[in-house]
Amino acid sequence: MLDVLSPGRQAIESVERRRPALILMDIQMPEMDGFETTEAIRSGEKTSGEHIPIFAMTAHAMKGDRERCLAAGMEGYLSKPIRVDKLYEAVEGVDPGLRPQDEDFADSESISIVDWKGALERLGGNEQTLRELAELFVGECPKMVADIEKAIASKDTTSLKRAAHTLKGSADVFAAKPVVVAAYRVEAIGREGNLVGVEDAMVVLKTELELLTPALKERIGTKEV
C-alpha cells in the first residue's frame, strides 16, 4: 500500500507504526527536511535492528547530493520528475536481506500467473504506473533471461544468483508467484554454488515466463512490445 505523508514527523510516526518496505523521501518538507527525517529513522533502527530502504527525491540534483544522501543513511536519490524506469532500477538494486522461506514456495500450479489486483494494491491503485512497469518488464525480460543463461554457460554461480534474483524481484512486482517460485529455484542453485539441476529449473522458469509475458502484454494493451 502507498502512503503519502508530510511533514517529516508524520513520516517517522508512520514508519514506527507500519514498517513500510520502501521509503521515497522528499528532501524539501516542512518542520523536518528529508535528511533530518532519514537520520531520525536510522537512529530508531539501531534499536529495532531493521533497515528500510530510503531513496531521496529531489527536483534539483546538485554535485555532492549523492554523498550527502549516503551520509544521512539513504540508499541513493532520484531526480524529479521521477522516471518509472529509474525508480524500477533503484528498487531492483536494493537487497533487503530477506530470503524467502521454503513454505513461501509451495506448489504453484493452482496459482494465477499474475495477480494484477494484488500488484495494483501495492502501488496504491496506480494503474498507469503498473502498466508502465509491465511494459518495462516485457522489454527487459529477454535480457534478464540471457544474463541467467550466460552465467550458467560460464559456470559463474555468483552471477547466476544475482541475475535470477533480479528476475525474481522484477516478477514479484506483478505478484507473479509462479515465475517468482521458478526464479527462486534458479537463484537457490546459484547460491549453493552447484549447478546440478539447473537445466530442469530453467525449463520451468522459461515455461512460466512464456505464460507471464502474454498476460502482461494483454494488460498493457499490446501484442508486440
Foldseek 3Di string as FASTA:
>chain_A
DDDDDDDLVRVLVCCVVPVDQAEEAEQDGPPHGRLRSLLVNVVVCVVVVADHAYEYEEQDDDPPPQVSCVVSPHPGYAHPPHDLVVVLVSVLPDDRVDDDDPVLQDDCPVPDQFDQVVLCVVVVNPLVSVLVLLVVCLVCVVVLLVQLVVCVVVLPLVSNLSSLSSNLVSSVSRVRNQLNSLSSVSNVCSVVSHCVPNVVSVVSNVVSVVVVSCVSCVSNVHDDD
